[in-house]
Amino acid sequence: MTTLVLHWFVVLRGVLTSAGESKYFAAMYFRSSMRHNPKTGELSGYYRLVESYRNQVNRICHRTMLSVGFLDGLSGDQLKAIQHGLNLRVEGLDNSLFSEEVDPVVTANIERFYQQMVRGKRIDVLPDNTRKKDWQTIDMNTMRNKDVREVGAEWMCYQAIQQLKLKQFFESKGWDDEKIALAMTHLISRAVYPASEYKTSFWIKENSAVCEITGYDASKITKDQLYSISYSLYAEKESLESYLSHRTNELFDLQDKIVLYDLTNTYFEGEKRHSRIARFGRSKEKRNDARLVVLAVVINPEGFIKYSTIYEGNKADCKTLAAMIDKLRLATS
């Protein structure tokens, strides 16, 4: 009984410094119970290797890692050394405790118990190239983040812009890098988040990683900046549509054929008294009280919008088809 009590005390408390403070407290330790040893015919300590851990409510719990059996031939110091060596081995650390004086009985038992836990899948074995790394365990429920941004749809749009070589087109128009980056930022934003320039400016700053993709300084984004680049893009509308039409033909080996020519209209909330094209007409949204503009689009068999035109709000569908066909013929000739 005296030996058993000594074993329990040494294993539970670990190695103590002269000041009485714990220097090492093992995550795994030996726990014993009195059993009848069939080899000796006497009562002796039956040992289990137990691991202590904290559960989700921060309560200390224990689980049995290995049923070791009877260890009558080992001293308390040897049990302590085995326990310490097993913890170092599981953590992937060098066993510096035995660097000066090696006890062959201790090292043999460390290897034996370690291999038994590996075969029993009680511990995770890291690959050799990661054994020296510092692995830490974290509680996923305690993780916090900030400045979270969306990037998936923005990245897809950016890849499409790269394939269309829009940067080269804008460079041919004499645009500098900052203006090109703002234009691509606005184009991607329009595709992913179709809203007003005012709302879009907040979306870019608070939710989207589009500026990280295009390289434009997000702190410079304002609704006025977006309005300004919209005017610049619209100034290049004719040449840009022609370029995109030819570029998509090259990318997908397409032929310019009209399969759909359609007109729609949209209304203005304001009076638009000085507008040259805003007119009263037949609104498809039943807003005959507001001035309209008509948008005409040409779509090819593959679904690409090839050309578009904005007409006066009172323009009839039958009066625009011939002009659009002539425009398409000149653009593709």
Protein backbone atom coordinates (compact mmCIF):
# COMPACT_ATOMS: atom_id res chain seq x y z
CA MET A 1 0.00 0.00 0.00
CA THR A 2 2.88 2.39 0.78
CA THR A 3 4.29 1.97 -2.72
CA LEU A 4 0.86 2.50 -4.27
CA VAL A 5 0.26 5.72 -2.33
CA LEU A 6 3.72 6.98 -3.31
CA HIS A 7 3.00 6.23 -6.97
CA TRP A 8 -0.32 8.09 -6.82
CA PHE A 9 1.15 11.12 -5.07
CA VAL A 10 4.13 11.45 -7.40
CA VAL A 11 2.09 11.06 -10.55
CA LEU A 12 -0.65 13.46 -9.48
CA ARG A 13 1.55 16.28 -8.28
CA GLY A 14 4.35 16.06 -10.85
CA VAL A 15 7.79 17.52 -10.38
CA LEU A 16 7.97 20.16 -7.59
CA THR A 17 10.46 22.97 -7.29
CA SER A 18 12.17 23.82 -4.02
CA ALA A 19 9.74 26.73 -3.58
CA GLY A 20 6.80 24.35 -3.74
CA GLU A 21 5.48 25.60 -7.12
CA SER A 22 4.49 23.10 -9.79
CA LYS A 23 7.12 22.95 -12.52
CA TYR A 24 5.40 20.33 -14.64
CA PHE A 25 1.87 19.02 -14.44
CA ALA A 26 1.29 16.25 -16.97
CA ALA A 27 -1.73 16.19 -19.20
CA MET A 28 -1.52 12.39 -18.94
CA TYR A 29 -0.86 10.57 -15.71
CA PHE A 30 -1.08 7.11 -14.20
CA ARG A 31 -4.09 6.15 -12.09
CA SER A 32 -4.21 2.86 -10.23
CA SER A 33 -6.71 0.65 -8.47
CA MET A 34 -6.17 -2.43 -6.29
CA ARG A 35 -6.72 -5.73 -8.08
CA HIS A 36 -5.80 -9.35 -7.67
CA ASN A 37 -2.65 -10.07 -9.70
CA PRO A 38 -3.01 -13.59 -11.18
CA LYS A 39 0.77 -13.89 -11.63
CA THR A 40 1.68 -13.20 -8.01
CA GLY A 41 -1.57 -14.17 -6.37
CA GLU A 42 -1.55 -10.92 -4.36
CA LEU A 43 -3.28 -7.56 -4.43
CA SER A 44 -1.33 -4.96 -6.36
CA GLY A 45 -1.81 -1.77 -8.32
CA TYR A 46 -3.49 -2.01 -11.74
CA TYR A 47 -2.55 1.10 -13.75
CA ARG A 48 -4.36 3.12 -16.38
CA LEU A 49 -2.94 6.05 -18.34
CA VAL A 50 -5.45 8.87 -17.93
CA GLU A 51 -5.63 12.26 -19.67
CA SER A 52 -7.12 15.37 -18.06
CA TYR A 53 -8.82 18.00 -20.21
CA ARG A 54 -11.33 20.85 -20.03
CA ASN A 55 -14.73 20.42 -21.62
CA GLN A 56 -16.90 23.07 -23.29
CA VAL A 57 -18.12 24.45 -19.94
CA ASN A 58 -14.52 24.76 -18.66
CA ARG A 59 -14.89 21.76 -16.37
CA ILE A 60 -11.88 19.48 -15.83
CA CYS A 61 -12.67 15.94 -17.03
CA HIS A 62 -10.68 12.74 -17.42
CA ARG A 63 -10.55 9.97 -19.96
CA THR A 64 -8.62 6.72 -20.09
CA MET A 65 -6.03 6.68 -22.83
CA LEU A 66 -4.55 3.23 -22.16
CA SER A 67 -5.05 0.33 -19.75
CA VAL A 68 -1.45 -0.39 -18.83
CA GLY A 69 -1.85 -3.24 -16.35
CA PHE A 70 0.31 -4.28 -13.41
CA LEU A 71 3.62 -2.42 -13.02
CA ASP A 72 5.03 -3.94 -9.85
CA GLY A 73 8.60 -3.87 -11.12
CA LEU A 74 8.74 -0.07 -11.58
CA SER A 75 9.61 2.53 -8.97
CA GLY A 76 7.80 5.79 -8.38
CA ASP A 77 10.58 7.74 -10.09
CA GLN A 78 10.39 5.50 -13.13
CA LEU A 79 6.62 5.93 -13.36
CA LYS A 80 7.07 9.67 -13.12
CA ALA A 81 9.70 9.62 -15.86
CA ILE A 82 7.51 7.46 -18.13
CA GLN A 83 4.58 9.78 -17.63
CA HIS A 84 6.71 12.83 -18.43
CA GLY A 85 8.29 11.21 -21.46
CA LEU A 86 4.92 10.15 -22.88
CA ASN A 87 3.59 13.69 -22.63
CA LEU A 88 6.64 15.05 -24.44
CA ARG A 89 6.36 12.34 -27.09
CA VAL A 90 2.67 13.04 -27.75
CA GLU A 91 3.34 16.80 -27.95
CA GLY A 92 6.08 16.18 -30.53
CA LEU A 93 8.85 17.62 -28.33
CA ASP A 94 12.40 16.34 -27.83
CA ASN A 95 12.70 14.20 -24.73
CA SER A 96 15.33 16.37 -23.09
CA LEU A 97 14.64 14.87 -19.66
CA PHE A 98 16.70 11.81 -20.57
CA SER A 99 19.44 13.53 -22.56
CA GLU A 100 22.10 13.09 -19.86
CA GLU A 101 21.18 9.78 -18.21
CA VAL A 102 19.04 7.28 -20.09
CA ASP A 103 17.11 4.62 -18.22
CA PRO A 104 16.53 1.77 -20.72
CA VAL A 105 13.52 0.51 -18.77
CA VAL A 106 11.88 3.95 -18.90
CA THR A 107 12.57 4.50 -22.61
CA ALA A 108 11.34 1.00 -23.49
CA ASN A 109 8.06 1.55 -21.63
CA ILE A 110 7.59 5.01 -23.19
CA GLU A 111 7.93 3.52 -26.66
CA ARG A 112 5.69 0.55 -25.80
CA PHE A 113 2.87 2.65 -24.33
CA TYR A 114 3.14 5.23 -27.11
CA GLN A 115 2.82 2.62 -29.86
CA GLN A 116 -0.14 1.03 -28.07
CA MET A 117 -1.95 4.41 -28.04
CA VAL A 118 -1.14 4.91 -31.72
CA ARG A 119 -2.46 1.48 -32.67
CA GLY A 120 -5.55 2.07 -30.57
CA LYS A 121 -6.06 5.44 -32.31
CA ARG A 122 -6.10 7.22 -28.97
CA ILE A 123 -3.77 9.97 -30.19
CA ASP A 124 -3.20 11.77 -33.49
CA VAL A 125 0.16 11.18 -35.12
CA LEU A 126 1.51 14.12 -37.13
CA PRO A 127 3.55 13.66 -40.32
CA ASP A 128 7.31 13.73 -39.85
CA ASN A 129 7.66 17.13 -41.52
CA THR A 130 5.25 18.74 -39.04
CA ARG A 131 6.40 17.17 -35.79
CA LYS A 132 8.54 20.18 -34.86
CA LYS A 133 5.79 22.73 -35.41
CA ASP A 134 3.97 24.44 -32.57
CA TRP A 135 0.43 23.10 -32.62
CA GLN A 136 -2.18 24.82 -30.46
CA THR A 137 -5.80 23.96 -29.72
CA ILE A 138 -8.42 26.70 -29.95
CA ASP A 139 -12.11 26.93 -29.14
CA MET A 140 -13.84 27.77 -32.41
CA ASN A 141 -16.79 29.31 -30.55
CA THR A 142 -14.50 31.98 -29.09
CA MET A 143 -13.19 33.19 -32.45
CA ARG A 144 -14.07 36.74 -33.46
CA ASN A 145 -13.47 38.60 -36.70
CA LYS A 146 -13.74 42.08 -38.12
CA ASP A 147 -13.71 43.79 -41.49
CA VAL A 148 -15.37 40.77 -43.16
CA ARG A 149 -15.85 41.31 -46.90
CA GLU A 150 -17.40 39.54 -49.86
CA VAL A 151 -15.09 38.50 -52.67
CA GLY A 152 -16.62 35.59 -54.67
CA ALA A 153 -18.83 37.35 -57.21
CA GLU A 154 -16.41 40.27 -57.42
CA TRP A 155 -13.55 37.93 -58.30
CA MET A 156 -15.57 36.22 -61.03
CA CYS A 157 -16.44 39.59 -62.58
CA TYR A 158 -12.81 40.65 -62.41
CA GLN A 159 -11.76 37.47 -64.24
CA ALA A 160 -14.31 38.25 -66.97
CA ILE A 161 -12.90 41.78 -67.28
CA GLN A 162 -9.42 40.30 -67.61
CA GLN A 163 -10.59 38.00 -70.41
CA LEU A 164 -12.24 40.90 -72.19
CA LYS A 165 -9.01 42.93 -71.87
CA LEU A 166 -10.87 46.05 -70.85
CA LYS A 167 -7.76 47.50 -69.24
CA GLN A 168 -6.01 47.53 -72.61
CA PHE A 169 -9.04 49.19 -74.18
CA PHE A 170 -9.07 51.98 -71.57
CA GLU A 171 -5.31 52.42 -71.94
CA SER A 172 -5.81 52.95 -75.68
CA LYS A 173 -8.16 55.83 -74.76
CA GLY A 174 -5.41 57.49 -72.71
CA TRP A 175 -6.82 56.66 -69.28
CA ASP A 176 -4.35 56.45 -66.39
CA ASP A 177 -4.13 53.50 -63.98
CA GLU A 178 -6.18 55.14 -61.22
CA LYS A 179 -9.05 55.97 -63.57
CA ILE A 180 -8.98 52.46 -65.02
CA ALA A 181 -9.07 50.95 -61.52
CA LEU A 182 -12.06 53.14 -60.61
CA ALA A 183 -13.84 52.16 -63.83
CA MET A 184 -13.34 48.44 -63.17
CA THR A 185 -14.46 48.93 -59.56
CA HIS A 186 -17.66 50.59 -60.76
CA LEU A 187 -18.33 47.99 -63.45
CA ILE A 188 -17.93 45.10 -61.01
CA SER A 189 -20.06 46.86 -58.42
CA ARG A 190 -22.84 47.43 -60.95
CA ALA A 191 -22.83 43.72 -61.85
CA VAL A 192 -22.74 42.44 -58.26
CA TYR A 193 -24.70 45.14 -56.43
CA PRO A 194 -26.99 47.11 -58.79
CA ALA A 195 -27.98 50.09 -56.68
CA SER A 196 -27.64 53.86 -56.66
CA GLU A 197 -24.20 55.43 -56.54
CA TYR A 198 -24.93 56.53 -52.98
CA LYS A 199 -25.70 53.01 -51.77
CA THR A 200 -22.93 51.50 -53.87
CA SER A 201 -20.30 53.71 -52.23
CA PHE A 202 -21.29 52.38 -48.79
CA TRP A 203 -21.39 48.79 -50.07
CA ILE A 204 -17.86 49.08 -51.44
CA LYS A 205 -16.51 50.50 -48.18
CA GLU A 206 -18.37 48.23 -45.78
CA ASN A 207 -19.11 44.92 -47.48
CA SER A 208 -17.09 44.25 -50.62
CA ALA A 209 -13.47 43.42 -51.37
CA VAL A 210 -13.76 44.83 -54.90
CA CYS A 211 -11.17 47.55 -54.20
CA GLU A 212 -8.69 44.95 -52.97
CA ILE A 213 -9.13 43.20 -56.31
CA THR A 214 -8.92 46.23 -58.59
CA GLY A 215 -6.29 48.08 -56.56
CA TYR A 216 -8.30 51.28 -56.13
CA ASP A 217 -8.08 53.06 -52.79
CA ALA A 218 -11.42 52.38 -51.06
CA SER A 219 -11.09 55.51 -48.92
CA LYS A 220 -11.48 57.61 -52.10
CA ILE A 221 -14.81 56.04 -53.05
CA THR A 222 -17.69 58.50 -52.96
CA LYS A 223 -20.96 58.77 -54.84
CA ASP A 224 -19.50 61.72 -56.77
CA GLN A 225 -16.53 59.60 -57.86
CA LEU A 226 -18.91 56.93 -59.13
CA TYR A 227 -21.03 59.51 -60.96
CA SER A 228 -17.89 60.93 -62.57
CA ILE A 229 -16.62 57.59 -63.85
CA SER A 230 -20.12 56.78 -65.14
CA TYR A 231 -19.98 59.88 -67.34
CA SER A 232 -16.54 58.87 -68.59
CA LEU A 233 -17.72 55.37 -69.43
CA TYR A 234 -20.81 56.66 -71.22
CA ALA A 235 -18.64 58.99 -73.29
CA GLU A 236 -16.95 55.85 -74.67
CA LYS A 237 -20.21 53.95 -75.14
CA GLU A 238 -20.12 53.57 -78.92
CA SER A 239 -16.49 52.49 -79.15
CA LEU A 240 -16.78 50.30 -76.03
CA GLU A 241 -19.81 48.42 -77.36
CA SER A 242 -18.09 47.86 -80.68
CA TYR A 243 -14.94 46.63 -78.93
CA LEU A 244 -16.87 44.25 -76.67
CA SER A 245 -18.84 42.92 -79.63
CA HIS A 246 -15.69 42.05 -81.54
CA ARG A 247 -13.91 40.74 -78.45
CA THR A 248 -16.71 38.33 -77.52
CA ASN A 249 -16.82 37.15 -81.13
CA GLU A 250 -13.11 36.31 -80.90
CA LEU A 251 -13.38 34.63 -77.51
CA PHE A 252 -16.34 32.41 -78.38
CA ASP A 253 -16.11 32.23 -82.18
CA LEU A 254 -19.48 33.93 -82.68
CA GLN A 255 -21.30 35.33 -85.67
CA ASP A 256 -23.27 38.60 -85.52
CA LYS A 257 -26.86 37.53 -85.97
CA ILE A 258 -29.91 39.19 -84.49
CA VAL A 259 -32.24 36.81 -82.72
CA LEU A 260 -33.86 39.33 -80.40
CA TYR A 261 -34.45 43.03 -80.72
CA ASP A 262 -36.40 44.48 -77.85
CA LEU A 263 -37.31 47.83 -76.39
CA THR A 264 -38.16 48.73 -72.87
CA ASN A 265 -38.57 52.03 -71.09
CA THR A 266 -37.94 53.50 -67.70
CA TYR A 267 -39.29 56.59 -66.02
CA PHE A 268 -37.80 59.47 -64.02
CA GLU A 269 -39.10 60.57 -60.65
CA GLY A 270 -37.98 64.12 -61.39
CA GLU A 271 -39.59 66.44 -63.92
CA LYS A 272 -36.64 66.35 -66.38
CA ARG A 273 -37.87 69.55 -68.01
CA HIS A 274 -34.58 70.30 -69.77
CA SER A 275 -33.84 66.76 -70.97
CA ARG A 276 -33.50 66.32 -74.72
CA ILE A 277 -34.83 62.75 -74.81
CA ALA A 278 -37.06 62.36 -71.75
CA ARG A 279 -40.63 62.44 -73.11
CA PHE A 280 -44.09 61.44 -72.03
CA GLY A 281 -45.10 58.16 -73.58
CA ARG A 282 -46.62 54.74 -72.92
CA SER A 283 -44.92 53.46 -69.80
CA LYS A 284 -44.54 49.70 -69.41
CA GLU A 285 -44.60 50.29 -65.65
CA LYS A 286 -47.88 52.24 -65.93
CA ARG A 287 -46.21 55.54 -65.02
CA ASN A 288 -47.71 57.71 -67.72
CA ASP A 289 -47.42 60.68 -65.40
CA ALA A 290 -43.60 60.66 -65.63
CA ARG A 291 -41.22 61.34 -68.50
CA LEU A 292 -39.61 58.27 -70.06
CA VAL A 293 -36.60 57.12 -72.04
CA VAL A 294 -36.59 54.05 -74.28
CA LEU A 295 -33.77 51.49 -74.21
CA ALA A 296 -33.26 49.29 -77.29
CA VAL A 297 -30.97 46.22 -77.18
CA VAL A 298 -29.76 43.71 -79.77
CA ILE A 299 -29.02 40.16 -78.57
CA ASN A 300 -27.25 37.46 -80.58
CA PRO A 301 -28.08 33.69 -80.54
CA GLU A 302 -25.72 33.07 -77.62
CA GLY A 303 -27.43 35.68 -75.44
CA PHE A 304 -24.80 38.42 -75.64
CA ILE A 305 -26.04 41.99 -75.75
CA LYS A 306 -24.29 43.34 -78.82
CA TYR A 307 -25.50 46.93 -79.06
CA SER A 308 -27.84 49.28 -77.25
CA THR A 309 -29.35 52.66 -77.87
CA ILE A 310 -31.33 55.13 -75.78
CA TYR A 311 -34.23 56.81 -77.61
CA GLU A 312 -36.79 59.46 -76.75
CA GLY A 313 -39.49 58.31 -74.38
CA ASN A 314 -42.23 58.58 -77.00
CA LYS A 315 -40.40 56.53 -79.66
CA ALA A 316 -42.46 53.66 -81.13
CA ASP A 317 -40.91 50.21 -81.56
CA CYS A 318 -41.60 50.03 -85.29
CA LYS A 319 -39.67 53.22 -85.94
CA THR A 320 -36.36 52.00 -84.48
CA LEU A 321 -35.71 48.59 -86.03
CA ALA A 322 -34.45 49.79 -89.40
CA ALA A 323 -32.03 52.25 -87.81
CA MET A 324 -30.67 49.57 -85.48
CA ILE A 325 -30.10 47.12 -88.35
CA ASP A 326 -28.20 49.79 -90.28
CA LYS A 327 -26.10 50.49 -87.21
CA LEU A 328 -25.35 46.82 -86.73
CA ARG A 329 -24.38 46.41 -90.40
CA LEU A 330 -21.96 49.34 -90.26
CA ALA A 331 -20.42 48.16 -87.01
CA THR A 332 -19.73 44.65 -88.29
CA SER A 333 -18.70 45.47 -91.83
